[in-house]
N, C-alpha and C. Protein backbone atom coordinates (compact mmCIF):
# COMPACT_ATOMS: atom_id res chain seq x y z
N MET A 1 48.21 70.46 4.31
CA MET A 1 46.59 70.46 3.82
C MET A 1 45.98 70.77 5.27
N SER A 2 45.04 71.21 5.41
CA SER A 2 44.03 71.28 6.22
C SER A 2 43.36 69.73 6.49
N ARG A 3 42.77 69.66 7.42
CA ARG A 3 41.99 68.76 7.43
C ARG A 3 40.09 69.37 7.26
N TYR A 4 40.11 70.32 7.68
CA TYR A 4 39.01 70.70 7.67
C TYR A 4 38.21 71.80 6.39
N ARG A 5 37.38 71.31 6.12
CA ARG A 5 36.25 71.86 5.07
C ARG A 5 36.36 73.11 5.44
N ASP A 6 36.57 73.81 4.01
CA ASP A 6 36.11 75.84 4.22
C ASP A 6 34.45 75.68 3.80
N ASN A 7 33.58 75.72 4.56
CA ASN A 7 32.60 75.94 4.50
C ASN A 7 31.96 77.49 3.87
N ARG A 8 32.35 77.84 4.19
CA ARG A 8 31.87 79.80 3.72
C ARG A 8 31.50 79.93 2.46
N ASN A 9 31.81 78.82 1.50
CA ASN A 9 31.03 78.76 0.20
C ASN A 9 30.07 77.90 -0.57
N ALA A 10 29.60 77.03 0.50
CA ALA A 10 28.83 75.63 0.76
C ALA A 10 27.13 76.63 0.75
N LYS A 11 26.34 75.87 -0.09
CA LYS A 11 24.72 76.72 -0.09
C LYS A 11 23.83 75.94 0.31
N GLY A 12 23.33 76.76 1.04
CA GLY A 12 22.27 75.63 1.87
C GLY A 12 20.97 76.28 1.25
N PHE A 13 19.49 75.63 1.70
CA PHE A 13 18.41 76.40 1.47
C PHE A 13 17.79 77.90 1.60
N THR A 14 17.61 78.53 1.10
CA THR A 14 17.19 79.94 1.36
C THR A 14 15.65 79.55 2.55
N LEU A 15 15.47 80.83 2.80
CA LEU A 15 13.88 80.77 3.61
C LEU A 15 13.02 80.74 2.76
N VAL A 16 12.84 81.31 1.15
CA VAL A 16 12.03 81.12 0.70
C VAL A 16 12.13 79.66 -0.23
N GLU A 17 13.62 79.27 -0.75
CA GLU A 17 13.23 77.73 -1.13
C GLU A 17 12.57 76.99 -0.07
N LEU A 18 13.09 77.16 0.91
CA LEU A 18 12.36 76.26 2.36
C LEU A 18 10.79 76.52 2.24
N LEU A 19 10.01 77.83 1.98
CA LEU A 19 8.98 77.67 2.26
C LEU A 19 8.43 76.87 0.64
N VAL A 20 9.28 77.29 -0.60
CA VAL A 20 8.39 76.31 -1.52
C VAL A 20 8.26 74.80 -1.42
N VAL A 21 9.44 74.57 -1.30
CA VAL A 21 8.96 72.91 -0.81
C VAL A 21 8.17 72.58 0.69
N ILE A 22 7.59 73.60 1.57
CA ILE A 22 6.67 73.51 2.50
C ILE A 22 5.39 73.43 1.68
N GLY A 23 5.39 74.35 0.67
CA GLY A 23 3.94 74.15 0.05
C GLY A 23 3.78 73.59 -0.92
N VAL A 24 4.76 72.90 -1.66
CA VAL A 24 4.77 71.89 -2.44
C VAL A 24 4.26 70.84 -1.82
N ILE A 25 5.21 70.34 -0.41
CA ILE A 25 4.60 68.98 0.42
C ILE A 25 2.80 69.30 0.76
N ALA A 26 2.54 70.57 0.88
CA ALA A 26 1.13 70.35 1.76
C ALA A 26 0.03 70.34 0.17
N ILE A 27 0.50 70.81 -0.90
CA ILE A 27 -0.23 70.78 -2.01
C ILE A 27 -0.24 69.07 -2.35
N LEU A 28 0.64 68.47 -2.16
CA LEU A 28 0.86 66.93 -2.51
C LEU A 28 -0.20 65.99 -1.15
N LEU A 29 -0.19 66.69 -0.27
CA LEU A 29 -1.29 66.05 1.01
C LEU A 29 -1.90 66.21 0.64
N THR A 30 -2.97 67.48 0.31
CA THR A 30 -3.92 68.00 -0.45
C THR A 30 -4.60 67.12 -1.54
N VAL A 31 -3.87 66.23 -2.40
CA VAL A 31 -4.33 66.13 -3.44
C VAL A 31 -4.50 64.60 -2.84
N LEU A 32 -3.23 64.29 -2.05
CA LEU A 32 -3.34 62.64 -1.84
C LEU A 32 -3.91 62.30 -1.02
N MET A 33 -4.47 62.97 0.14
CA MET A 33 -5.46 62.21 1.36
C MET A 33 -6.79 61.94 0.87
N PRO A 34 -7.24 62.44 -0.16
CA PRO A 34 -8.37 61.77 -0.22
C PRO A 34 -8.46 60.90 -0.83
N ALA A 35 -7.37 60.36 -1.88
CA ALA A 35 -7.12 59.33 -2.19
C ALA A 35 -6.63 58.02 -1.44
N LEU A 36 -6.08 58.54 -0.55
CA LEU A 36 -5.51 57.66 0.60
C LEU A 36 -6.76 57.48 1.74
N GLN A 37 -8.06 58.54 2.09
CA GLN A 37 -8.72 57.85 2.61
C GLN A 37 -10.18 56.98 1.47
N LYS A 38 -9.87 57.16 0.37
CA LYS A 38 -10.94 56.19 -0.09
C LYS A 38 -9.99 54.67 -0.41
N ALA A 39 -8.91 54.65 -0.20
CA ALA A 39 -7.80 53.27 -0.08
C ALA A 39 -8.82 52.66 1.03
N LYS A 40 -8.78 53.35 2.40
CA LYS A 40 -8.91 52.67 3.37
C LYS A 40 -10.13 52.53 3.50
N GLU A 41 -10.98 53.18 3.14
CA GLU A 41 -12.72 52.61 3.10
C GLU A 41 -12.52 51.80 2.09
N LEU A 42 -12.03 51.39 1.26
CA LEU A 42 -12.19 50.37 0.27
C LEU A 42 -11.92 49.15 0.74
N ALA A 43 -10.63 49.31 1.57
CA ALA A 43 -9.83 48.12 2.53
C ALA A 43 -11.24 47.56 3.74
N ARG A 44 -12.05 49.03 4.13
CA ARG A 44 -12.57 48.54 5.47
C ARG A 44 -13.72 47.91 4.89
N ARG A 45 -14.39 48.18 3.70
CA ARG A 45 -15.88 47.34 2.77
C ARG A 45 -15.22 45.74 2.29
N VAL A 46 -13.72 45.72 2.22
CA VAL A 46 -13.34 44.43 1.89
C VAL A 46 -13.63 43.42 3.53
N GLN A 47 -12.68 43.95 4.40
CA GLN A 47 -13.15 43.31 5.51
C GLN A 47 -14.58 42.92 6.19
N CYS A 48 -15.38 44.30 5.59
CA CYS A 48 -16.43 43.89 6.26
C CYS A 48 -17.32 43.02 5.68
N SER A 49 -16.89 42.97 4.13
CA SER A 49 -17.70 41.23 3.28
C SER A 49 -17.36 40.23 3.71
N THR A 50 -15.82 39.75 4.18
CA THR A 50 -15.32 39.34 4.98
C THR A 50 -15.75 38.17 6.31
N ASN A 51 -16.34 39.41 6.71
CA ASN A 51 -16.92 39.67 8.05
C ASN A 51 -18.53 38.68 8.10
N LEU A 52 -19.18 39.02 7.07
CA LEU A 52 -20.33 38.66 6.60
C LEU A 52 -20.10 36.98 6.01
N ARG A 53 -19.36 37.01 5.36
CA ARG A 53 -19.09 35.96 4.71
C ARG A 53 -18.95 34.42 5.98
N HIS A 54 -18.11 35.02 6.67
CA HIS A 54 -17.98 33.79 8.04
C HIS A 54 -19.37 33.83 8.95
N ILE A 55 -20.19 34.85 8.95
CA ILE A 55 -21.41 34.95 9.79
C ILE A 55 -22.28 34.07 8.63
N SER A 56 -22.28 34.16 7.72
CA SER A 56 -22.56 33.09 6.96
C SER A 56 -22.69 32.11 7.18
N THR A 57 -21.36 31.53 6.91
CA THR A 57 -21.08 30.25 7.28
C THR A 57 -21.77 29.17 8.34
N ALA A 58 -21.70 30.67 9.71
CA ALA A 58 -21.89 30.28 11.12
C ALA A 58 -23.53 29.90 10.97
N LEU A 59 -24.33 30.56 10.22
CA LEU A 59 -25.63 30.76 10.06
C LEU A 59 -26.28 29.24 9.38
N TRP A 60 -25.73 29.11 8.06
CA TRP A 60 -26.02 27.87 7.62
C TRP A 60 -25.51 26.79 8.64
N ILE A 61 -24.65 26.72 9.19
CA ILE A 61 -24.19 25.10 10.44
C ILE A 61 -25.56 25.01 11.38
N TYR A 62 -25.98 26.11 11.83
CA TYR A 62 -27.13 26.59 12.42
C TYR A 62 -28.32 26.24 11.95
N ALA A 63 -28.44 26.53 10.23
CA ALA A 63 -29.75 25.85 10.19
C ALA A 63 -29.42 24.22 9.39
N ASP A 64 -28.48 23.96 9.63
CA ASP A 64 -28.01 22.70 9.35
C ASP A 64 -29.04 21.53 10.41
N ARG A 65 -28.34 22.23 11.51
CA ARG A 65 -28.34 21.34 12.67
C ARG A 65 -29.92 21.50 13.61
N TYR A 66 -30.63 22.56 12.86
CA TYR A 66 -31.70 22.97 13.63
C TYR A 66 -33.02 23.18 12.75
N ASP A 67 -32.79 22.09 12.00
CA ASP A 67 -34.13 22.21 11.14
C ASP A 67 -34.22 23.11 10.19
N ASP A 68 -33.26 23.18 9.79
CA ASP A 68 -33.28 24.71 8.34
C ASP A 68 -33.61 26.06 9.06
N ARG A 69 -33.62 26.29 10.32
CA ARG A 69 -34.35 27.56 11.17
C ARG A 69 -32.95 28.49 11.59
N VAL A 70 -33.25 30.13 11.40
CA VAL A 70 -32.32 30.88 12.03
C VAL A 70 -32.97 31.56 13.40
N PRO A 71 -31.52 31.76 13.80
CA PRO A 71 -31.94 31.60 15.58
C PRO A 71 -33.03 33.06 15.56
N LEU A 72 -33.41 33.06 16.26
CA LEU A 72 -34.51 34.10 16.50
C LEU A 72 -34.45 34.26 17.97
N ASN A 73 -34.83 35.93 17.87
CA ASN A 73 -34.63 36.46 19.52
C ASN A 73 -35.92 36.38 20.07
N GLY A 74 -35.88 35.96 21.11
CA GLY A 74 -37.27 35.94 22.10
C GLY A 74 -37.95 36.83 22.20
N THR A 75 -37.53 38.57 21.94
CA THR A 75 -38.61 39.66 22.09
C THR A 75 -38.83 40.30 20.92
N GLU A 76 -39.39 41.05 20.62
CA GLU A 76 -40.01 42.16 19.84
C GLU A 76 -39.51 43.35 20.29
N ASP A 77 -38.96 43.60 21.25
CA ASP A 77 -38.27 44.94 21.22
C ASP A 77 -37.14 45.09 20.73
N PHE A 78 -36.21 44.60 20.63
CA PHE A 78 -35.12 44.53 20.11
C PHE A 78 -34.55 45.25 18.89
N PHE A 79 -33.90 46.00 18.74
CA PHE A 79 -33.53 46.11 17.60
C PHE A 79 -32.72 45.55 16.63
N LEU A 80 -32.27 45.65 15.46
CA LEU A 80 -31.74 44.35 14.36
C LEU A 80 -30.45 44.02 15.03
N TRP A 81 -29.92 44.61 15.46
CA TRP A 81 -28.71 44.66 15.94
C TRP A 81 -28.53 44.21 17.36
N ASP A 82 -29.50 43.93 17.99
CA ASP A 82 -29.31 43.51 19.30
C ASP A 82 -29.76 41.66 18.98
N ILE A 83 -28.58 40.98 19.28
CA ILE A 83 -28.72 39.57 19.49
C ILE A 83 -28.41 39.21 20.78
N GLU A 84 -29.37 37.81 21.07
CA GLU A 84 -29.42 36.98 22.14
C GLU A 84 -27.72 36.54 22.27
N ILE A 85 -27.54 36.49 23.55
CA ILE A 85 -26.39 35.81 24.01
C ILE A 85 -26.01 34.59 23.33
N ASP A 86 -26.92 33.32 23.80
CA ASP A 86 -26.76 32.28 23.30
C ASP A 86 -26.49 32.30 21.96
N THR A 87 -26.96 32.93 20.96
CA THR A 87 -26.68 32.92 19.39
C THR A 87 -25.52 33.86 18.83
N VAL A 88 -25.11 34.82 20.05
CA VAL A 88 -23.89 35.24 19.70
C VAL A 88 -22.75 34.08 19.59
N ASP A 89 -23.16 33.16 20.83
CA ASP A 89 -22.01 32.42 21.49
C ASP A 89 -21.99 31.06 20.29
N PHE A 90 -23.14 31.15 19.58
CA PHE A 90 -23.03 29.74 18.81
C PHE A 90 -22.09 30.43 17.74
N LEU A 91 -22.41 31.72 17.19
CA LEU A 91 -21.67 32.02 16.05
C LEU A 91 -19.97 32.43 16.53
N LEU A 92 -19.61 32.56 17.75
CA LEU A 92 -18.26 32.62 18.20
C LEU A 92 -17.86 31.23 17.81
N GLU A 93 -18.54 30.14 18.11
CA GLU A 93 -18.32 28.83 18.21
C GLU A 93 -18.05 27.86 16.98
N ASN A 94 -18.55 28.97 15.96
CA ASN A 94 -18.90 28.53 14.24
C ASN A 94 -18.03 29.25 13.41
N GLY A 95 -16.76 29.58 13.41
CA GLY A 95 -16.05 30.43 12.77
C GLY A 95 -15.93 31.74 12.58
N CYS A 96 -16.90 32.71 13.88
CA CYS A 96 -16.78 33.95 13.60
C CYS A 96 -15.67 34.56 14.92
N ASP A 97 -15.27 35.63 15.15
CA ASP A 97 -14.21 35.86 16.28
C ASP A 97 -15.05 37.46 16.24
N ARG A 98 -14.76 37.82 17.77
CA ARG A 98 -15.71 38.85 18.30
C ARG A 98 -15.53 40.32 17.26
N GLU A 99 -14.35 40.65 17.04
CA GLU A 99 -14.22 41.73 16.22
C GLU A 99 -14.92 41.41 14.67
N GLY A 100 -14.73 40.28 14.24
CA GLY A 100 -16.02 40.01 12.95
C GLY A 100 -17.50 40.43 13.20
N LEU A 101 -17.74 40.40 14.20
CA LEU A 101 -19.41 40.71 14.14
C LEU A 101 -19.34 42.20 14.48
N TYR A 102 -18.96 43.30 13.83
CA TYR A 102 -19.00 44.99 14.00
C TYR A 102 -17.92 44.82 12.63
N CYS A 103 -18.94 45.89 11.70
CA CYS A 103 -17.96 46.58 10.70
C CYS A 103 -17.03 47.30 11.07
N PRO A 104 -15.79 47.08 10.55
CA PRO A 104 -14.70 47.72 10.84
C PRO A 104 -14.80 49.40 10.26
N SER A 105 -15.78 50.10 9.75
CA SER A 105 -16.45 51.38 9.89
C SER A 105 -16.96 52.01 10.94
N GLN A 106 -16.86 50.91 11.69
CA GLN A 106 -17.00 51.85 13.51
C GLN A 106 -16.18 51.71 14.22
N THR A 107 -14.93 51.54 13.68
CA THR A 107 -14.05 51.37 15.28
C THR A 107 -13.72 52.27 15.72
N GLU A 108 -14.15 53.83 15.07
CA GLU A 108 -13.32 55.03 15.47
C GLU A 108 -14.96 55.36 16.91
N VAL A 109 -15.95 54.59 16.89
CA VAL A 109 -16.93 55.03 18.09
C VAL A 109 -16.74 53.35 18.91
N ASN A 110 -15.66 52.74 19.09
CA ASN A 110 -15.26 52.02 19.74
C ASN A 110 -15.76 50.79 20.45
N TRP A 111 -16.84 50.49 19.14
CA TRP A 111 -18.23 49.56 19.49
C TRP A 111 -17.98 48.76 20.38
N ILE A 112 -17.22 47.60 20.10
CA ILE A 112 -17.17 46.25 20.82
C ILE A 112 -16.99 47.08 22.37
N GLU A 113 -16.28 47.83 23.03
CA GLU A 113 -16.27 47.67 24.31
C GLU A 113 -17.20 48.52 25.21
N ASN A 114 -18.00 49.58 23.76
CA ASN A 114 -18.87 50.15 24.39
C ASN A 114 -20.46 48.82 24.49
N THR A 115 -20.42 48.21 23.43
CA THR A 115 -21.78 47.27 23.11
C THR A 115 -22.03 45.64 23.71
N TRP A 116 -20.25 45.38 24.04
CA TRP A 116 -20.37 43.60 23.72
C TRP A 116 -21.08 43.11 25.27
N ASP A 117 -21.31 43.99 26.41
CA ASP A 117 -21.45 44.05 27.30
C ASP A 117 -22.99 44.91 28.23
N TYR A 118 -23.30 45.20 27.08
CA TYR A 118 -24.66 46.34 27.24
C TYR A 118 -25.73 45.76 27.84
N SER A 119 -26.19 44.10 27.75
CA SER A 119 -27.14 44.31 28.30
C SER A 119 -26.90 42.48 28.90
N THR A 120 -27.30 42.06 29.72
CA THR A 120 -27.03 40.69 30.25
C THR A 120 -28.19 39.12 29.31
N ALA A 121 -29.28 40.25 28.84
CA ALA A 121 -29.50 39.24 27.99
C ALA A 121 -29.42 39.19 26.26
N PHE A 122 -28.95 40.12 25.75
CA PHE A 122 -28.26 40.47 24.11
C PHE A 122 -27.18 41.30 24.01
N ARG A 123 -26.05 40.82 23.09
CA ARG A 123 -25.50 41.97 22.77
C ARG A 123 -25.43 42.80 21.44
N VAL A 124 -25.13 44.14 21.84
CA VAL A 124 -25.17 44.59 20.54
C VAL A 124 -24.07 44.70 19.43
N LEU A 125 -24.44 43.95 18.28
CA LEU A 125 -23.47 44.02 17.25
C LEU A 125 -23.31 44.50 16.30
N GLY A 126 -23.00 44.75 15.49
CA GLY A 126 -22.48 45.73 14.22
C GLY A 126 -23.11 45.18 13.09
N TYR A 127 -24.19 44.58 12.80
CA TYR A 127 -24.94 44.51 11.62
C TYR A 127 -26.40 43.75 11.82
N ALA A 128 -27.28 44.64 11.01
CA ALA A 128 -28.52 44.26 11.51
C ALA A 128 -29.07 42.72 10.78
N PHE A 129 -29.53 42.21 12.01
CA PHE A 129 -29.59 40.66 11.50
C PHE A 129 -31.54 40.69 11.30
N LEU A 130 -31.76 39.95 9.96
CA LEU A 130 -32.83 40.06 9.05
C LEU A 130 -34.10 39.27 9.86
N PHE A 131 -34.23 38.46 10.84
CA PHE A 131 -34.78 37.51 11.51
C PHE A 131 -36.23 37.79 11.96
N ASP A 132 -36.73 36.75 12.17
CA ASP A 132 -38.66 37.27 13.01
C ASP A 132 -38.27 36.77 14.37
N ASN A 133 -38.91 36.98 15.31
CA ASN A 133 -39.09 37.03 16.90
C ASN A 133 -39.50 35.81 17.03
N ALA A 134 -38.87 34.83 18.15
CA ALA A 134 -39.64 33.38 18.23
C ALA A 134 -40.95 33.13 18.72
N ILE A 135 -41.10 34.67 19.45
CA ILE A 135 -43.12 34.08 19.93
C ILE A 135 -43.97 34.70 19.32
N THR A 136 -43.70 36.61 18.90
CA THR A 136 -44.79 37.27 18.25
C THR A 136 -44.32 37.67 17.10
N PRO A 137 -44.20 37.33 15.56
CA PRO A 137 -44.07 37.67 14.22
C PRO A 137 -43.96 38.82 14.49
N LYS A 138 -43.15 39.73 13.71
CA LYS A 138 -42.92 40.95 13.34
C LYS A 138 -44.20 41.46 11.98
N ALA A 139 -44.43 42.56 12.14
CA ALA A 139 -45.25 43.36 10.62
C ALA A 139 -44.44 42.93 9.63
N PRO A 140 -44.82 42.74 8.53
CA PRO A 140 -43.84 42.51 7.40
C PRO A 140 -43.28 43.67 6.90
N LEU A 141 -42.03 42.86 5.90
CA LEU A 141 -40.91 43.99 5.55
C LEU A 141 -41.80 45.15 4.94
N ALA A 142 -40.97 45.94 5.13
CA ALA A 142 -41.49 47.18 3.59
C ALA A 142 -42.20 46.35 1.97
N ASN A 143 -41.51 45.08 1.87
CA ASN A 143 -41.55 44.78 0.43
C ASN A 143 -43.09 44.08 0.45
N GLY A 144 -43.38 43.47 1.73
CA GLY A 144 -44.51 42.94 2.36
C GLY A 144 -43.93 41.07 2.30
N ASP A 145 -42.32 41.19 2.16
CA ASP A 145 -42.53 39.83 2.72
C ASP A 145 -41.79 39.22 4.42
N PRO A 146 -42.65 38.38 4.64
CA PRO A 146 -42.56 38.23 5.93
C PRO A 146 -40.72 37.95 6.39
N TRP A 147 -40.23 38.03 7.56
CA TRP A 147 -39.07 38.34 8.21
C TRP A 147 -38.66 36.74 8.30
N LEU A 148 -37.58 36.32 7.96
CA LEU A 148 -36.87 35.12 8.15
C LEU A 148 -37.27 34.37 9.13
N ARG A 149 -37.83 33.09 9.00
CA ARG A 149 -37.73 31.88 10.21
C ARG A 149 -36.98 30.78 9.89
N LYS A 150 -36.93 30.45 8.64
CA LYS A 150 -36.32 29.41 7.94
C LYS A 150 -35.46 29.84 6.78
N MET A 151 -34.29 29.34 6.55
CA MET A 151 -33.77 29.77 4.96
C MET A 151 -34.65 29.16 4.12
N SER A 152 -35.40 28.41 3.61
CA SER A 152 -36.31 27.78 2.82
C SER A 152 -36.99 28.58 2.27
N MET A 153 -37.26 29.97 3.58
CA MET A 153 -38.44 30.82 3.40
C MET A 153 -37.96 31.74 1.88
N ALA A 154 -36.78 31.90 1.86
CA ALA A 154 -36.72 32.97 1.04
C ALA A 154 -36.23 31.71 -0.46
N ARG A 155 -37.32 32.71 -1.26
CA ARG A 155 -37.87 31.90 -2.54
C ARG A 155 -36.46 32.10 -3.47
N THR A 156 -36.05 33.27 -3.66
CA THR A 156 -34.51 32.93 -3.99
C THR A 156 -33.60 33.43 -3.14
N PRO A 157 -32.79 32.54 -3.10
CA PRO A 157 -31.81 32.78 -1.78
C PRO A 157 -30.79 33.54 -2.34
N GLY A 158 -30.68 33.96 -3.70
CA GLY A 158 -29.43 34.82 -4.35
C GLY A 158 -30.11 36.55 -3.98
N ASP A 159 -31.16 36.18 -4.02
CA ASP A 159 -31.94 38.08 -3.84
C ASP A 159 -32.47 38.38 -2.53
N ARG A 160 -32.44 37.43 -1.06
CA ARG A 160 -32.99 37.45 -0.07
C ARG A 160 -32.05 37.85 0.94
N GLU A 161 -32.17 39.39 1.12
CA GLU A 161 -30.87 39.64 2.81
C GLU A 161 -31.34 39.04 3.54
N ILE A 162 -30.07 38.65 4.30
CA ILE A 162 -30.00 37.78 5.60
C ILE A 162 -29.76 38.80 6.75
N VAL A 163 -28.38 39.35 6.66
CA VAL A 163 -27.62 40.15 7.38
C VAL A 163 -26.97 41.18 6.82
N VAL A 164 -27.11 42.82 7.26
CA VAL A 164 -26.90 43.73 6.52
C VAL A 164 -26.26 45.12 7.04
N ASP A 165 -25.24 45.66 7.13
CA ASP A 165 -24.61 46.85 7.02
C ASP A 165 -25.71 47.48 7.85
N VAL A 166 -25.84 48.14 9.15
CA VAL A 166 -26.78 48.80 9.57
C VAL A 166 -26.73 50.51 8.64
N VAL A 167 -27.62 50.84 8.27
CA VAL A 167 -28.13 52.25 7.32
C VAL A 167 -29.20 52.42 7.97
N TRP A 168 -29.50 53.36 8.83
CA TRP A 168 -31.11 53.93 9.18
C TRP A 168 -30.99 55.06 9.14
N SER A 169 -32.20 55.91 9.29
CA SER A 169 -32.70 57.17 9.54
C SER A 169 -33.23 57.13 10.85
N ALA A 170 -34.09 58.75 11.14
CA ALA A 170 -35.27 58.83 11.93
C ALA A 170 -36.27 58.92 11.23
N LYS A 171 -37.67 58.45 11.68
CA LYS A 171 -38.22 58.00 11.01
C LYS A 171 -39.22 60.12 10.87
N ASN A 172 -38.85 60.62 12.24
CA ASN A 172 -39.77 61.93 12.24
C ASN A 172 -38.93 62.54 11.30
N THR A 173 -37.42 62.67 11.54
CA THR A 173 -36.97 63.76 10.71
C THR A 173 -36.53 63.33 9.19
N GLY A 174 -36.33 62.01 9.28
CA GLY A 174 -36.13 61.58 7.57
C GLY A 174 -34.70 61.95 7.40
N GLU A 175 -33.53 62.25 8.67
CA GLU A 175 -32.12 62.19 8.49
C GLU A 175 -31.69 61.18 8.96
N PHE A 176 -30.69 60.72 8.40
CA PHE A 176 -29.97 59.33 8.11
C PHE A 176 -28.94 59.52 10.03
N LEU A 177 -29.03 58.73 10.65
CA LEU A 177 -28.16 58.80 11.96
C LEU A 177 -26.81 58.13 11.44
N VAL A 178 -25.76 59.71 11.92
CA VAL A 178 -24.60 58.85 11.57
C VAL A 178 -23.73 59.28 12.60
N GLU A 179 -24.09 59.77 14.29
CA GLU A 179 -23.18 60.02 15.33
C GLU A 179 -23.39 59.48 16.18
N GLY A 180 -22.50 59.01 17.05
CA GLY A 180 -22.54 58.26 18.18
C GLY A 180 -22.76 56.95 18.07
N LEU A 181 -23.27 56.20 19.55
CA LEU A 181 -22.90 54.52 19.12
C LEU A 181 -24.59 54.24 18.50
N ASN A 182 -25.13 55.23 18.24
CA ASN A 182 -26.27 54.49 17.47
C ASN A 182 -26.11 55.24 15.57
N ARG A 183 -24.94 54.65 15.64
CA ARG A 183 -24.97 55.21 14.16
C ARG A 183 -24.70 54.39 12.97
N SER A 184 -25.18 54.76 11.24
CA SER A 184 -24.97 54.04 10.15
C SER A 184 -23.16 53.68 10.20
N SER A 185 -23.26 52.90 9.46
CA SER A 185 -21.61 52.14 8.79
C SER A 185 -21.75 52.89 7.69
N HIS A 186 -20.32 53.11 7.36
CA HIS A 186 -19.05 53.60 5.95
C HIS A 186 -20.18 55.30 6.30
N VAL A 187 -20.04 55.93 7.03
CA VAL A 187 -20.25 57.07 7.31
C VAL A 187 -18.98 57.96 6.17
N GLU A 188 -19.68 58.87 5.84
CA GLU A 188 -18.51 59.76 5.07
C GLU A 188 -18.79 61.18 4.84
N ASP A 189 -18.23 62.29 5.35
CA ASP A 189 -18.82 63.70 5.22
C ASP A 189 -20.10 63.57 5.83
N GLY A 190 -20.48 62.82 6.91
CA GLY A 190 -21.63 63.20 7.70
C GLY A 190 -23.15 62.39 6.99
N ILE A 191 -22.82 61.58 6.11
CA ILE A 191 -23.75 60.74 5.41
C ILE A 191 -23.31 59.29 4.90
N PRO A 192 -23.97 57.97 4.91
CA PRO A 192 -23.55 56.74 4.87
C PRO A 192 -23.21 56.50 3.38
N THR A 193 -22.11 55.90 2.96
CA THR A 193 -22.44 55.77 1.77
C THR A 193 -22.86 54.57 0.70
N GLY A 194 -23.43 53.69 1.64
CA GLY A 194 -23.92 52.31 1.50
C GLY A 194 -23.67 51.59 2.62
N GLY A 195 -23.31 50.17 2.13
CA GLY A 195 -23.35 49.22 2.91
C GLY A 195 -23.14 48.20 2.19
N ASN A 196 -22.75 46.69 3.04
CA ASN A 196 -22.48 45.78 2.00
C ASN A 196 -23.53 44.75 2.77
N LEU A 197 -24.49 43.49 2.08
CA LEU A 197 -25.15 43.01 1.94
C LEU A 197 -25.21 41.60 2.03
N LEU A 198 -25.18 40.82 3.26
CA LEU A 198 -25.47 39.01 3.33
C LEU A 198 -26.33 38.79 2.55
N PHE A 199 -26.78 37.54 1.38
CA PHE A 199 -27.95 37.24 1.06
C PHE A 199 -27.89 35.64 1.72
N VAL A 200 -28.99 35.28 1.81
CA VAL A 200 -29.25 33.62 1.94
C VAL A 200 -27.94 32.81 1.15
N ASP A 201 -27.70 32.52 0.29
CA ASP A 201 -26.92 32.05 -0.70
C ASP A 201 -25.55 32.01 -0.37
N GLY A 202 -25.52 33.29 0.20
CA GLY A 202 -24.10 33.17 1.07
C GLY A 202 -23.07 34.43 -0.04
N HIS A 203 -23.30 34.81 -0.53
CA HIS A 203 -22.97 36.37 -1.48
C HIS A 203 -23.11 37.47 -0.77
N VAL A 204 -22.19 38.50 -0.82
CA VAL A 204 -22.03 39.54 -0.27
C VAL A 204 -21.90 40.34 -1.62
N LYS A 205 -22.64 41.52 -1.66
CA LYS A 205 -22.90 42.90 -2.42
C LYS A 205 -22.39 43.77 -1.83
N TRP A 206 -22.04 44.99 -2.61
CA TRP A 206 -21.86 46.32 -1.56
C TRP A 206 -22.97 47.12 -2.52
N LYS A 207 -24.03 47.96 -2.05
CA LYS A 207 -24.81 48.71 -2.55
C LYS A 207 -24.90 49.99 -2.10
N ASN A 208 -24.77 50.86 -3.02
CA ASN A 208 -24.54 52.28 -2.70
C ASN A 208 -25.87 53.19 -2.23
N LEU A 209 -25.77 54.02 -1.01
CA LEU A 209 -26.92 54.40 -0.68
C LEU A 209 -28.25 54.95 -1.82
N SER A 210 -27.73 55.50 -2.88
CA SER A 210 -28.49 56.34 -3.65
C SER A 210 -28.97 54.73 -4.31
N ALA A 211 -29.06 53.09 -3.99
CA ALA A 211 -30.01 52.05 -4.65
C ALA A 211 -30.52 51.47 -3.81
N MET A 212 -30.26 52.35 -2.20
CA MET A 212 -31.19 51.64 -1.41
C MET A 212 -32.59 52.38 -0.93
N LYS A 213 -33.27 51.30 -0.40
CA LYS A 213 -35.03 51.72 0.01
C LYS A 213 -34.61 51.01 1.01
N VAL A 214 -35.91 51.66 1.80
CA VAL A 214 -36.01 51.64 3.33
C VAL A 214 -36.68 49.55 3.24
N GLY A 215 -35.93 48.92 4.04
CA GLY A 215 -36.40 47.98 3.95
C GLY A 215 -37.34 47.27 5.22
N ALA A 216 -37.21 48.12 6.05
CA ALA A 216 -38.23 47.45 7.24
C ALA A 216 -38.25 48.99 8.31
N ASN A 217 -39.45 48.92 9.13
CA ASN A 217 -39.91 49.94 9.79
C ASN A 217 -39.92 49.23 11.34
N HIS A 218 -39.00 48.69 12.04
CA HIS A 218 -39.02 47.58 12.92
C HIS A 218 -39.71 48.34 14.23
N ILE A 219 -38.94 49.17 14.40
CA ILE A 219 -39.25 50.28 15.81
C ILE A 219 -39.34 51.64 15.27
N ASP A 220 -40.42 52.32 15.94
CA ASP A 220 -41.40 53.03 15.26
C ASP A 220 -40.75 54.27 15.27
N HIS A 221 -39.55 54.33 15.66
CA HIS A 221 -38.50 55.60 15.40
C HIS A 221 -37.83 55.75 14.62
N VAL A 222 -37.44 54.59 13.81
CA VAL A 222 -36.16 54.22 12.74
C VAL A 222 -36.66 53.37 11.91
N LEU A 223 -35.93 53.69 10.66
CA LEU A 223 -36.35 52.90 9.42
C LEU A 223 -35.01 52.71 8.93
N TYR A 224 -35.31 51.27 8.48
CA TYR A 224 -33.88 50.47 8.31
C TYR A 224 -33.70 50.67 6.82
N TRP A 225 -32.45 50.67 6.11
CA TRP A 225 -32.27 51.11 4.91
C TRP A 225 -31.33 49.49 4.48
N TRP A 226 -31.77 49.10 3.36
CA TRP A 226 -30.85 48.00 2.57
C TRP A 226 -31.44 47.91 1.08
């Protein structure tokens, strides 16, 4: 008996069958990719909310140590994510890590590498801190409330935002900023989907863009939403 198989009658894939298999795989990928993208975005939202809870813990440690105060910036010319280096160091010493100071939806623009050493006076972080200035108080928020200087200024801590995802638009055009370093968080198909909001009492809530309103007109050419 020959030790070798006779493969003359063995049947393989025809070209048509191979093309059908490739077509089925392509259809499956088309169907599954949106679901995978949504799952990835949901994971980013969860990590983002965890980051904000760590920031909350550090801010309450600061308030406990410094007579109920929040860490104020020394100049009124800062964007809401420009935080003085001393404050950032305090956050890092009290439960936060460097990556946790940036929304994970911003990783594709290499935020940390591009903004950590942006200035010798402050660091550009990935969240908007809703604090007042140390010297000259800011104009009131859009709803008329003053910016936070102390935790106790929040009449209802569960309703007062303290740190939020950056969602902002150009004041002159009304268009949301969605490209480059100065972009909103959680952008999908060229528009922000919403953002996580940290409240004074420490809880975090996701808010869809459709439910957001202009929260502040801090710098003349941009509007912040939350």
